[in-house]
C-alpha atoms as a PDB file:
ATOM      1  CA  UNK A   1     -15.049  18.803   7.590  1.00  0.00           C
ATOM      2  CA  UNK A   2     -14.740  15.013   7.711  1.00  0.00           C
ATOM      3  CA  UNK A   3     -12.048  13.365   5.592  1.00  0.00           C
ATOM      4  CA  UNK A   4     -11.802  10.051   3.742  1.00  0.00           C
ATOM      5  CA  UNK A   5      -8.716   9.074   1.740  1.00  0.00           C
ATOM      6  CA  UNK A   6      -7.912   5.807  -0.044  1.00  0.00           C
ATOM      7  CA  UNK A   7      -4.899   6.897  -2.049  1.00  0.00           C
ATOM      8  CA  UNK A   8      -2.525   3.975  -1.576  1.00  0.00           C
ATOM      9  CA  UNK A   9      -3.882   1.865  -4.449  1.00  0.00           C
ATOM     10  CA  UNK A  10      -5.887   4.582  -6.174  1.00  0.00           C
ATOM     11  CA  UNK A  11      -4.399   4.146  -9.655  1.00  0.00           C
ATOM     12  CA  UNK A  12      -6.091   6.402 -12.249  1.00  0.00           C
ATOM     13  CA  UNK A  13      -7.289   3.373 -14.199  1.00  0.00           C
ATOM     14  CA  UNK A  14      -9.158   2.044 -11.156  1.00  0.00           C
ATOM     15  CA  UNK A  15     -10.590   5.239  -9.684  1.00  0.00           C
ATOM     16  CA  UNK A  16     -14.151   4.301 -10.569  1.00  0.00           C
ATOM     17  CA  UNK A  17     -13.733   1.127  -8.514  1.00  0.00           C
ATOM     18  CA  UNK A  18     -12.157   3.053  -5.616  1.00  0.00           C
ATOM     19  CA  UNK A  19     -15.057   5.511  -5.699  1.00  0.00           C
ATOM     20  CA  UNK A  20     -17.528   2.614  -5.692  1.00  0.00           C
ATOM     21  CA  UNK A  21     -15.793   1.153  -2.645  1.00  0.00           C
ATOM     22  CA  UNK A  22     -15.970   4.425  -0.781  1.00  0.00           C
ATOM     23  CA  UNK A  23     -19.652   4.863  -1.674  1.00  0.00           C
ATOM     24  CA  UNK A  24     -20.487   1.500  -0.052  1.00  0.00           C
ATOM     25  CA  UNK A  25     -18.437   2.314   3.055  1.00  0.00           C
ATOM     26  CA  UNK A  26     -19.899   5.823   3.265  1.00  0.00           C
ATOM     27  CA  UNK A  27     -23.442   4.519   3.088  1.00  0.00           C
ATOM     28  CA  UNK A  28     -22.720   1.979   5.840  1.00  0.00           C
ATOM     29  CA  UNK A  29     -21.225   4.704   8.035  1.00  0.00           C
ATOM     30  CA  UNK A  30     -24.194   7.002   7.524  1.00  0.00           C
ATOM     31  CA  UNK A  31     -26.630   4.180   8.193  1.00  0.00           C
ATOM     32  CA  UNK A  32     -24.975   3.870  11.612  1.00  0.00           C
ATOM     33  CA  UNK A  33     -25.261   7.589  12.251  1.00  0.00           C
ATOM     34  CA  UNK A  34     -21.612   8.433  11.550  1.00  0.00           C
ATOM     35  CA  UNK A  35     -20.935  11.551   9.503  1.00  0.00           C
ATOM     36  CA  UNK A  36     -18.989  10.692   6.369  1.00  0.00           C
ATOM     37  CA  UNK A  37     -17.960  12.833   3.378  1.00  0.00           C
ATOM     38  CA  UNK A  38     -19.734  12.332   0.088  1.00  0.00           C
ATOM     39  CA  UNK A  39     -16.518  11.698  -1.831  1.00  0.00           C
ATOM     40  CA  UNK A  40     -12.880  10.842  -1.256  1.00  0.00           C
ATOM     41  CA  UNK A  41     -10.552  13.803  -0.858  1.00  0.00           C
ATOM     42  CA  UNK A  42      -7.931  13.459  -3.591  1.00  0.00           C
ATOM     43  CA  UNK A  43      -6.622  16.987  -3.043  1.00  0.00           C
ATOM     44  CA  UNK A  44      -4.847  15.897   0.155  1.00  0.00           C
ATOM     45  CA  UNK A  45      -1.561  14.025   0.269  1.00  0.00           C
ATOM     46  CA  UNK A  46      -1.153  11.091   2.609  1.00  0.00           C
ATOM     47  CA  UNK A  47       0.383  12.999   5.509  1.00  0.00           C
ATOM     48  CA  UNK A  48      -2.381  15.598   5.502  1.00  0.00           C
ATOM     49  CA  UNK A  49      -5.090  12.950   5.335  1.00  0.00           C
ATOM     50  CA  UNK A  50      -3.609  10.689   8.029  1.00  0.00           C
ATOM     51  CA  UNK A  51      -3.399  13.553  10.526  1.00  0.00           C
ATOM     52  CA  UNK A  52      -6.646  15.320   9.589  1.00  0.00           C
ATOM     53  CA  UNK A  53      -8.552  16.284  12.767  1.00  0.00           C
ATOM     54  CA  UNK A  54     -11.792  14.861  11.328  1.00  0.00           C
ATOM     55  CA  UNK A  55     -10.356  11.719   9.722  1.00  0.00           C
ATOM     56  CA  UNK A  56     -13.071   9.115   9.205  1.00  0.00           C
ATOM     57  CA  UNK A  57     -11.142   6.526   7.209  1.00  0.00           C
ATOM     58  CA  UNK A  58      -7.864   6.292   5.350  1.00  0.00           C
ATOM     59  CA  UNK A  59      -5.344   3.721   4.242  1.00  0.00           C
ATOM     60  CA  UNK A  60      -1.659   4.148   4.966  1.00  0.00           C
ATOM     61  CA  UNK A  61       1.607   2.219   4.828  1.00  0.00           C
ATOM     62  CA  UNK A  62       2.735   0.487   7.995  1.00  0.00           C
ATOM     63  CA  UNK A  63       6.071   2.318   8.078  1.00  0.00           C
ATOM     64  CA  UNK A  64       4.721   5.905   8.141  1.00  0.00           C
ATOM     65  CA  UNK A  65       2.328   4.813  10.866  1.00  0.00           C
ATOM     66  CA  UNK A  66       5.190   3.296  12.880  1.00  0.00           C
ATOM     67  CA  UNK A  67       7.240   6.459  12.360  1.00  0.00           C
ATOM     68  CA  UNK A  68       4.485   8.535  13.964  1.00  0.00           C
ATOM     69  CA  UNK A  69       3.352  10.277  10.809  1.00  0.00           C
ATOM     70  CA  UNK A  70      -0.318   9.372  11.305  1.00  0.00           C
ATOM     71  CA  UNK A  71      -0.701  11.322  14.536  1.00  0.00           C
ATOM     72  CA  UNK A  72      -3.078   9.564  16.897  1.00  0.00           C
ATOM     73  CA  UNK A  73      -4.914   7.616  14.184  1.00  0.00           C
ATOM     74  CA  UNK A  74      -5.903   4.097  15.134  1.00  0.00           C
ATOM     75  CA  UNK A  75      -5.413   0.995  12.986  1.00  0.00           C
ATOM     76  CA  UNK A  76      -8.622  -0.991  12.532  1.00  0.00           C
ATOM     77  CA  UNK A  77      -7.998  -3.453   9.685  1.00  0.00           C
ATOM     78  CA  UNK A  78      -5.850  -4.653   6.803  1.00  0.00           C
ATOM     79  CA  UNK A  79      -7.014  -5.845   3.419  1.00  0.00           C
ATOM     80  CA  UNK A  80      -7.281  -9.355   2.072  1.00  0.00           C
ATOM     81  CA  UNK A  81      -6.144  -8.970  -1.530  1.00  0.00           C
ATOM     82  CA  UNK A  82      -6.029 -12.679  -2.286  1.00  0.00           C
ATOM     83  CA  UNK A  83      -3.390 -15.416  -2.035  1.00  0.00           C
ATOM     84  CA  UNK A  84      -1.391 -13.987  -4.927  1.00  0.00           C
ATOM     85  CA  UNK A  85      -0.383 -11.075  -2.688  1.00  0.00           C
ATOM     86  CA  UNK A  86      -0.152 -12.878   0.666  1.00  0.00           C
ATOM     87  CA  UNK A  87      -2.265 -14.451   3.417  1.00  0.00           C
ATOM     88  CA  UNK A  88      -5.399 -12.521   4.489  1.00  0.00           C
ATOM     89  CA  UNK A  89      -4.344  -9.245   6.084  1.00  0.00           C
ATOM     90  CA  UNK A  90      -0.717  -9.629   4.981  1.00  0.00           C
ATOM     91  CA  UNK A  91       1.304  -8.933   1.862  1.00  0.00           C
ATOM     92  CA  UNK A  92       4.759  -9.315   0.395  1.00  0.00           C
ATOM     93  CA  UNK A  93       6.878  -7.424  -2.094  1.00  0.00           C
ATOM     94  CA  UNK A  94       8.251  -8.738  -5.351  1.00  0.00           C
ATOM     95  CA  UNK A  95      11.858  -7.946  -6.201  1.00  0.00           C
ATOM     96  CA  UNK A  96      12.227  -7.040  -9.858  1.00  0.00           C
ATOM     97  CA  UNK A  97      15.117  -6.696 -12.302  1.00  0.00           C
ATOM     98  CA  UNK A  98      15.274  -5.759 -15.966  1.00  0.00           C
ATOM     99  CA  UNK A  99      13.979  -8.513 -18.233  1.00  0.00           C
ATOM    100  CA  UNK A 100      16.594 -10.564 -20.011  1.00  0.00           C
ATOM    101  CA  UNK A 101      19.480  -9.438 -17.836  1.00  0.00           C
ATOM    102  CA  UNK A 102      21.236 -11.694 -15.305  1.00  0.00           C
ATOM    103  CA  UNK A 103      20.268 -11.294 -11.665  1.00  0.00           C
ATOM    104  CA  UNK A 104      22.912  -8.992 -10.216  1.00  0.00           C
ATOM    105  CA  UNK A 105      25.133 -10.587  -7.583  1.00  0.00           C
ATOM    106  CA  UNK A 106      26.366  -7.160  -6.539  1.00  0.00           C
ATOM    107  CA  UNK A 107      23.844  -4.327  -6.642  1.00  0.00           C
ATOM    108  CA  UNK A 108      25.200  -0.840  -7.259  1.00  0.00           C
ATOM    109  CA  UNK A 109      21.963   1.072  -7.964  1.00  0.00           C
ATOM    110  CA  UNK A 110      18.479   0.314  -6.630  1.00  0.00           C
ATOM    111  CA  UNK A 111      15.153   2.089  -7.119  1.00  0.00           C
ATOM    112  CA  UNK A 112      12.793   2.890  -4.252  1.00  0.00           C
ATOM    113  CA  UNK A 113       9.382   4.487  -4.361  1.00  0.00           C
ATOM    114  CA  UNK A 114      10.215   6.341  -1.143  1.00  0.00           C
ATOM    115  CA  UNK A 115      12.424   5.985   1.897  1.00  0.00           C
ATOM    116  CA  UNK A 116       9.295   5.834   4.073  1.00  0.00           C
ATOM    117  CA  UNK A 117       7.920   2.738   2.329  1.00  0.00           C
ATOM    118  CA  UNK A 118       7.772  -0.669   3.992  1.00  0.00           C
ATOM    119  CA  UNK A 119       7.156  -2.482   0.721  1.00  0.00           C
ATOM    120  CA  UNK A 120       9.523  -0.493  -1.475  1.00  0.00           C
ATOM    121  CA  UNK A 121      12.413   0.301   0.883  1.00  0.00           C
ATOM    122  CA  UNK A 122      12.475  -1.941   3.966  1.00  0.00           C
ATOM    123  CA  UNK A 123      11.614  -5.042   1.925  1.00  0.00           C
ATOM    124  CA  UNK A 124      14.372  -4.154  -0.527  1.00  0.00           C
ATOM    125  CA  UNK A 125      16.952  -3.773   2.250  1.00  0.00           C
ATOM    126  CA  UNK A 126      16.428  -7.397   3.227  1.00  0.00           C
ATOM    127  CA  UNK A 127      17.113  -8.519  -0.328  1.00  0.00           C
ATOM    128  CA  UNK A 128      20.162  -6.279  -0.610  1.00  0.00           C
ATOM    129  CA  UNK A 129      21.752  -7.435   2.638  1.00  0.00           C
ATOM    130  CA  UNK A 130      23.829 -10.106   0.896  1.00  0.00           C
ATOM    131  CA  UNK A 131      24.362  -8.209  -2.358  1.00  0.00           C
ATOM    132  CA  UNK A 132      26.083  -5.005  -1.266  1.00  0.00           C
ATOM    133  CA  UNK A 133      29.449  -6.066   0.182  1.00  0.00           C
ATOM    134  CA  UNK A 134      30.998  -2.716  -0.643  1.00  0.00           C
ATOM    135  CA  UNK A 135      28.304  -0.798   1.209  1.00  0.00           C
ATOM    136  CA  UNK A 136      24.755   0.367   0.481  1.00  0.00           C
ATOM    137  CA  UNK A 137      23.879   0.890  -3.178  1.00  0.00           C
ATOM    138  CA  UNK A 138      22.978   4.246  -4.594  1.00  0.00           C
ATOM    139  CA  UNK A 139      19.231   4.690  -4.261  1.00  0.00           C
ATOM    140  CA  UNK A 140      17.137   6.261  -7.004  1.00  0.00           C
ATOM    141  CA  UNK A 141      13.917   7.618  -5.459  1.00  0.00           C
ATOM    142  CA  UNK A 142      11.100   7.365  -7.992  1.00  0.00           C
ATOM    143  CA  UNK A 143       8.088   8.559  -5.985  1.00  0.00           C
ATOM    144  CA  UNK A 144       5.887   5.550  -6.699  1.00  0.00           C
ATOM    145  CA  UNK A 145       5.956   1.815  -7.322  1.00  0.00           C
ATOM    146  CA  UNK A 146       4.936   2.548 -10.878  1.00  0.00           C
ATOM    147  CA  UNK A 147       7.917   4.855 -11.209  1.00  0.00           C
ATOM    148  CA  UNK A 148      10.228   2.169  -9.849  1.00  0.00           C
ATOM    149  CA  UNK A 149       8.990  -0.331 -12.429  1.00  0.00           C
ATOM    150  CA  UNK A 150       9.669   2.203 -15.170  1.00  0.00           C
ATOM    151  CA  UNK A 151      13.156   2.876 -13.794  1.00  0.00           C
ATOM    152  CA  UNK A 152      14.050  -0.833 -13.842  1.00  0.00           C
ATOM    153  CA  UNK A 153      12.652  -1.343 -17.340  1.00  0.00           C
ATOM    154  CA  UNK A 154      14.636   1.660 -18.576  1.00  0.00           C
ATOM    155  CA  UNK A 155      17.874   0.438 -17.006  1.00  0.00           C
ATOM    156  CA  UNK A 156      18.131   3.367 -14.576  1.00  0.00           C
ATOM    157  CA  UNK A 157      18.471   0.960 -11.633  1.00  0.00           C
ATOM    158  CA  UNK A 158      19.178  -2.741 -11.232  1.00  0.00           C
ATOM    159  CA  UNK A 159      16.552  -3.862  -8.711  1.00  0.00           C
ATOM    160  CA  UNK A 160      13.460  -2.595  -6.913  1.00  0.00           C
ATOM    161  CA  UNK A 161      10.888  -3.936  -4.472  1.00  0.00           C
ATOM    162  CA  UNK A 162       7.237  -3.592  -5.478  1.00  0.00           C
ATOM    163  CA  UNK A 163       4.214  -4.086  -3.252  1.00  0.00           C
ATOM    164  CA  UNK A 164       2.463  -7.238  -4.508  1.00  0.00           C
ATOM    165  CA  UNK A 165      -0.887  -5.454  -4.874  1.00  0.00           C
ATOM    166  CA  UNK A 166       0.744  -2.675  -6.893  1.00  0.00           C
ATOM    167  CA  UNK A 167       2.538  -5.313  -8.961  1.00  0.00           C
ATOM    168  CA  UNK A 168      -0.801  -6.858  -9.868  1.00  0.00           C
ATOM    169  CA  UNK A 169      -2.114  -3.440 -10.895  1.00  0.00           C
ATOM    170  CA  UNK A 170       1.048  -2.794 -12.892  1.00  0.00           C
ATOM    171  CA  UNK A 171       0.730  -5.992 -14.873  1.00  0.00           C
ATOM    172  CA  UNK A 172      -2.720  -4.827 -15.870  1.00  0.00           C
ATOM    173  CA  UNK A 173      -2.060  -1.149 -16.542  1.00  0.00           C
ATOM    174  CA  UNK A 174       1.659  -0.344 -16.801  1.00  0.00           C
ATOM    175  CA  UNK A 175       3.370  -1.116 -20.116  1.00  0.00           C
ATOM    176  CA  UNK A 176       6.828  -1.083 -18.513  1.00  0.00           C
ATOM    177  CA  UNK A 177       5.899  -4.118 -16.402  1.00  0.00           C
ATOM    178  CA  UNK A 178       6.506  -6.268 -19.484  1.00  0.00           C
ATOM    179  CA  UNK A 179      10.138  -5.191 -19.372  1.00  0.00           C
ATOM    180  CA  UNK A 180      10.959  -6.574 -15.934  1.00  0.00           C
ATOM    181  CA  UNK A 181      11.149  -9.980 -14.256  1.00  0.00           C
ATOM    182  CA  UNK A 182      10.353 -11.018 -10.696  1.00  0.00           C
ATOM    183  CA  UNK A 183      13.557 -12.462  -9.229  1.00  0.00           C
ATOM    184  CA  UNK A 184      12.554 -12.863  -5.555  1.00  0.00           C
ATOM    185  CA  UNK A 185       9.825 -12.228  -2.997  1.00  0.00           C
ATOM    186  CA  UNK A 186      10.107 -10.725   0.448  1.00  0.00           C
ATOM    187  CA  UNK A 187       8.605 -12.312   3.577  1.00  0.00           C
ATOM    188  CA  UNK A 188       4.967 -11.385   4.162  1.00  0.00           C
ATOM    189  CA  UNK A 189       4.172  -8.680   6.718  1.00  0.00           C
ATOM    190  CA  UNK A 190       0.917  -7.061   7.897  1.00  0.00           C
ATOM    191  CA  UNK A 191      -0.722  -5.317   4.962  1.00  0.00           C
ATOM    192  CA  UNK A 192      -1.413  -1.645   4.386  1.00  0.00           C
ATOM    193  CA  UNK A 193      -3.587  -0.676   7.350  1.00  0.00           C
ATOM    194  CA  UNK A 194      -6.919   1.087   7.308  1.00  0.00           C
ATOM    195  CA  UNK A 195      -6.967   3.778   9.991  1.00  0.00           C
ATOM    196  CA  UNK A 196      -9.516   6.041  11.619  1.00  0.00           C
ATOM    197  CA  UNK A 197      -9.200   9.202  13.670  1.00  0.00           C
ATOM    198  CA  UNK A 198      -8.482   8.945  17.409  1.00  0.00           C
ATOM    199  CA  UNK A 199     -11.886  10.305  18.357  1.00  0.00           C
ATOM    200  CA  UNK A 200     -13.873   8.096  16.001  1.00  0.00           C
ATOM    201  CA  UNK A 201     -15.880   5.073  17.244  1.00  0.00           C
ATOM    202  CA  UNK A 202     -13.361   2.643  15.816  1.00  0.00           C
ATOM    203  CA  UNK A 203     -15.456  -0.526  16.231  1.00  0.00           C
ATOM    204  CA  UNK A 204     -18.343   1.047  14.341  1.00  0.00           C
ATOM    205  CA  UNK A 205     -16.032   2.355  11.617  1.00  0.00           C
ATOM    206  CA  UNK A 206     -14.591  -1.144  11.288  1.00  0.00           C
ATOM    207  CA  UNK A 207     -18.094  -2.591  10.990  1.00  0.00           C
ATOM    208  CA  UNK A 208     -18.909  -0.101   8.213  1.00  0.00           C
ATOM    209  CA  UNK A 209     -15.656  -0.938   6.434  1.00  0.00           C
ATOM    210  CA  UNK A 210     -16.439  -4.652   6.571  1.00  0.00           C
ATOM    211  CA  UNK A 211     -19.996  -4.036   5.357  1.00  0.00           C
ATOM    212  CA  UNK A 212     -18.867  -1.726   2.571  1.00  0.00           C
ATOM    213  CA  UNK A 213     -16.298  -4.144   1.202  1.00  0.00           C
ATOM    214  CA  UNK A 214     -18.837  -6.946   1.429  1.00  0.00           C
ATOM    215  CA  UNK A 215     -21.390  -4.921  -0.547  1.00  0.00           C
ATOM    216  CA  UNK A 216     -18.980  -3.953  -3.328  1.00  0.00           C
ATOM    217  CA  UNK A 217     -20.095  -4.990  -6.805  1.00  0.00           C
ATOM    218  CA  UNK A 218     -18.158  -7.876  -8.396  1.00  0.00           C
ATOM    219  CA  UNK A 219     -16.567  -5.768 -11.137  1.00  0.00           C
ATOM    220  CA  UNK A 220     -15.173  -3.214  -8.683  1.00  0.00           C
ATOM    221  CA  UNK A 221     -14.048  -5.935  -6.299  1.00  0.00           C
ATOM    222  CA  UNK A 222     -12.204  -7.660  -9.138  1.00  0.00           C
ATOM    223  CA  UNK A 223     -10.610  -4.395 -10.272  1.00  0.00           C
ATOM    224  CA  UNK A 224      -9.289  -3.615  -6.798  1.00  0.00           C
ATOM    225  CA  UNK A 225      -8.533  -7.210  -5.859  1.00  0.00           C
ATOM    226  CA  UNK A 226      -9.939  -6.490  -2.398  1.00  0.00           C
ATOM    227  CA  UNK A 227     -11.764  -9.617  -1.232  1.00  0.00           C
ATOM    228  CA  UNK A 228     -12.345  -8.684   2.421  1.00  0.00           C
ATOM    229  CA  UNK A 229     -10.781  -6.883   5.367  1.00  0.00           C
ATOM    230  CA  UNK A 230      -9.180  -8.472   8.406  1.00  0.00           C
ATOM    231  CA  UNK A 231      -9.483  -6.700  11.781  1.00  0.00           C
ATOM    232  CA  UNK A 232      -6.129  -5.426  13.015  1.00  0.00           C
ATOM    233  CA  UNK A 233      -4.788  -3.108  15.678  1.00  0.00           C
ATOM    234  CA  UNK A 234      -1.842  -0.910  16.496  1.00  0.00           C
ATOM    235  CA  UNK A 235       0.047  -3.777  18.128  1.00  0.00           C
ATOM    236  CA  UNK A 236       0.163  -5.691  14.837  1.00  0.00           C
ATOM    237  CA  UNK A 237       2.472  -3.004  13.410  1.00  0.00           C
ATOM    238  CA  UNK A 238       4.666  -2.453  16.452  1.00  0.00           C
ATOM    239  CA  UNK A 239       7.633  -4.199  14.811  1.00  0.00           C
ATOM    240  CA  UNK A 240       7.673  -1.952  11.745  1.00  0.00           C
ATOM    241  CA  UNK A 241      10.638   0.366  11.287  1.00  0.00           C
ATOM    242  CA  UNK A 242      13.867   0.940   9.439  1.00  0.00           C
ATOM    243  CA  UNK A 243      16.847  -1.277  10.291  1.00  0.00           C
ATOM    244  CA  UNK A 244      19.581   0.364  12.346  1.00  0.00           C
END
């Protein structure tokens, strides 16, 4: 059975928009004779979707792909989420601290959504490089960017790095976002890649992705912040990885 998964920015509040996006992409795929599932598979986690034998389309983080967790999937594009998040096809992370508290010069506790996250872990390590003279801070793993924002607002950690697209969603939907401040931004890197299975006609899948995003209704496009997609390939993510 063919698989489609767009779970990276699939916040519950925006699932109607994510479903609308998939419907446009699905219709473009089918119009080109490519079998595509009727709906997104939200019962799968990322690892299962990225390595599914019949993967049609998914979105992943650049770090899991670089770590080999997407099997033989091929990168075909990255999203353009607008200048607020980075140049087309790229994105940055915002570094956040609890509102009203001084920016810590020495960080003892940091929150990460996951150790396999480019935006939440690797981006944070760059910020922490000059703020942990006594060694790495204790890391609180929250499981999501939303969880990291809540941890900072609650005082359970001092800093966290949040994907700029997720930060925009949080300011719209997460009450705890009002309890944190942005204190820095990481350098921009290639954005979360769209991938397709190794046996799929990747150029045709890319064309359907471009057409589907272009056909998305204005309300859904505004909700997701996805303006367009930028073609990309495996080589664009070759430099991703955890520091030694």
